[in-house]
Amino acid sequence: EDVGKPLGIDIKEKKMTLPLIYTLAHADRPTRRQIMNIVRNESHKTDRVAEVIALVRQSGGIEYAQEAMYRYRQEAFDLLANAPESPARQALHDLLTFVTERKR
């Protein structure tokens, strides 16, 4: 999937992203411990980060995050539709489109 940035960068920076949180929430205890150990202690190892990426993909974490992103984007568009036409409204609309459709 194209997520708009290099895969694994958040893991290397020890950031808890929505796909990772989803994966942890749906993983069994040993897998959760494995993921957390890698994020905390081995995030500098490319092969270990690749393991976490594979687990996130297998769990559906990326798809879950994309669905959430589009759901929130639609809610924002609906709210903007109630605002009077203005350059600010258009700028917000354009920003929402840009950040949700960005590619690497």
Protein backbone atom coordinates (compact mmCIF):
# COMPACT_ATOMS: atom_id res chain seq x y z
CA GLU A 1 0.00 0.00 0.00
CA ASP A 2 1.11 3.55 -0.59
CA VAL A 3 0.73 5.35 2.73
CA GLY A 4 2.37 8.60 1.76
CA LYS A 5 5.66 8.09 3.61
CA PRO A 6 8.37 5.44 3.93
CA LEU A 7 7.08 2.32 5.65
CA GLY A 8 8.55 1.73 9.07
CA ILE A 9 9.68 5.29 9.73
CA ASP A 10 7.21 5.66 12.63
CA ILE A 11 8.36 2.37 14.15
CA LYS A 12 11.99 3.47 13.89
CA GLU A 13 10.98 6.69 15.66
CA LYS A 14 9.06 4.65 18.28
CA LYS A 15 5.76 6.33 17.42
CA MET A 16 2.48 4.59 18.17
CA THR A 17 0.38 5.04 15.06
CA LEU A 18 -3.23 4.00 14.48
CA PRO A 19 -2.27 0.93 12.39
CA LEU A 20 0.12 -0.20 15.13
CA ILE A 21 -2.41 0.44 17.90
CA TYR A 22 -5.03 -1.53 15.95
CA THR A 23 -2.58 -4.40 15.50
CA LEU A 24 -1.71 -4.45 19.19
CA ALA A 25 -5.39 -4.38 20.15
CA HIS A 26 -6.12 -7.42 17.97
CA ALA A 27 -2.97 -9.45 18.64
CA ASP A 28 -2.54 -12.23 21.15
CA ARG A 29 -0.39 -11.56 24.19
CA PRO A 30 2.87 -13.09 22.85
CA THR A 31 2.57 -11.10 19.62
CA ARG A 32 1.86 -7.88 21.54
CA ARG A 33 4.97 -8.46 23.65
CA GLN A 34 7.03 -9.18 20.54
CA ILE A 35 5.86 -5.99 18.83
CA MET A 36 6.42 -3.83 21.90
CA ASN A 37 9.90 -5.27 22.41
CA ILE A 38 10.83 -4.46 18.83
CA VAL A 39 9.41 -0.93 19.02
CA ARG A 40 11.12 -0.20 22.35
CA ASN A 41 14.43 -2.00 21.94
CA GLU A 42 15.06 -3.04 18.34
CA SER A 43 13.54 -0.31 16.19
CA HIS A 44 16.99 0.43 14.75
CA LYS A 45 17.13 -3.07 13.17
CA THR A 46 15.66 -3.10 9.67
CA ASP A 47 14.78 -6.81 9.77
CA ARG A 48 12.93 -6.44 13.07
CA VAL A 49 11.01 -3.39 11.82
CA ALA A 50 10.06 -5.45 8.75
CA GLU A 51 8.57 -8.07 11.10
CA VAL A 52 6.34 -5.44 12.70
CA ILE A 53 5.31 -4.08 9.29
CA ALA A 54 4.33 -7.61 8.23
CA LEU A 55 2.26 -8.07 11.39
CA VAL A 56 0.52 -4.71 10.86
CA ARG A 57 -0.31 -5.68 7.27
CA GLN A 58 -1.56 -9.13 8.29
CA SER A 59 -3.78 -7.69 11.00
CA GLY A 60 -5.51 -5.22 8.67
CA GLY A 61 -4.09 -2.25 10.56
CA ILE A 62 -3.31 -0.20 7.47
CA GLU A 63 -6.77 -0.74 5.99
CA TYR A 64 -8.36 0.14 9.32
CA ALA A 65 -6.43 3.41 9.50
CA GLN A 66 -7.28 4.28 5.89
CA GLU A 67 -10.97 3.64 6.52
CA ALA A 68 -10.84 5.85 9.62
CA MET A 69 -9.03 8.58 7.69
CA TYR A 70 -11.67 8.63 4.94
CA ARG A 71 -14.50 8.52 7.48
CA TYR A 72 -13.10 11.54 9.36
CA ARG A 73 -12.39 13.32 6.09
CA GLN A 74 -16.02 12.90 5.05
CA GLU A 75 -17.19 14.23 8.41
CA ALA A 76 -14.96 17.27 7.91
CA PHE A 77 -16.27 17.80 4.37
CA ASP A 78 -19.83 17.62 5.71
CA LEU A 79 -19.05 20.26 8.34
CA LEU A 80 -17.35 22.48 5.77
CA ALA A 81 -20.39 22.24 3.51
CA ASN A 82 -22.35 24.11 6.19
CA ALA A 83 -19.85 26.98 6.27
CA PRO A 84 -20.26 29.97 3.95
CA GLU A 85 -18.20 29.90 0.77
CA SER A 86 -14.88 31.62 1.35
CA PRO A 87 -11.18 31.28 0.57
CA ALA A 88 -10.68 29.76 4.03
CA ARG A 89 -13.31 27.09 3.41
CA GLN A 90 -11.73 26.23 0.07
CA ALA A 91 -8.27 26.13 1.64
CA LEU A 92 -9.48 23.70 4.32
CA HIS A 93 -11.15 21.55 1.67
CA ASP A 94 -7.94 21.51 -0.39
CA LEU A 95 -5.85 20.70 2.68
CA LEU A 96 -8.10 17.77 3.60
CA THR A 97 -7.83 16.44 0.08
CA PHE A 98 -4.06 16.86 0.00
CA VAL A 99 -3.30 15.15 3.30
CA THR A 100 -5.64 12.23 2.62
CA GLU A 101 -4.51 11.62 -0.95
CA ARG A 102 -0.78 12.24 -0.57
CA LYS A 103 1.65 9.82 -2.16
CA ARG A 104 5.31 9.24 -1.41
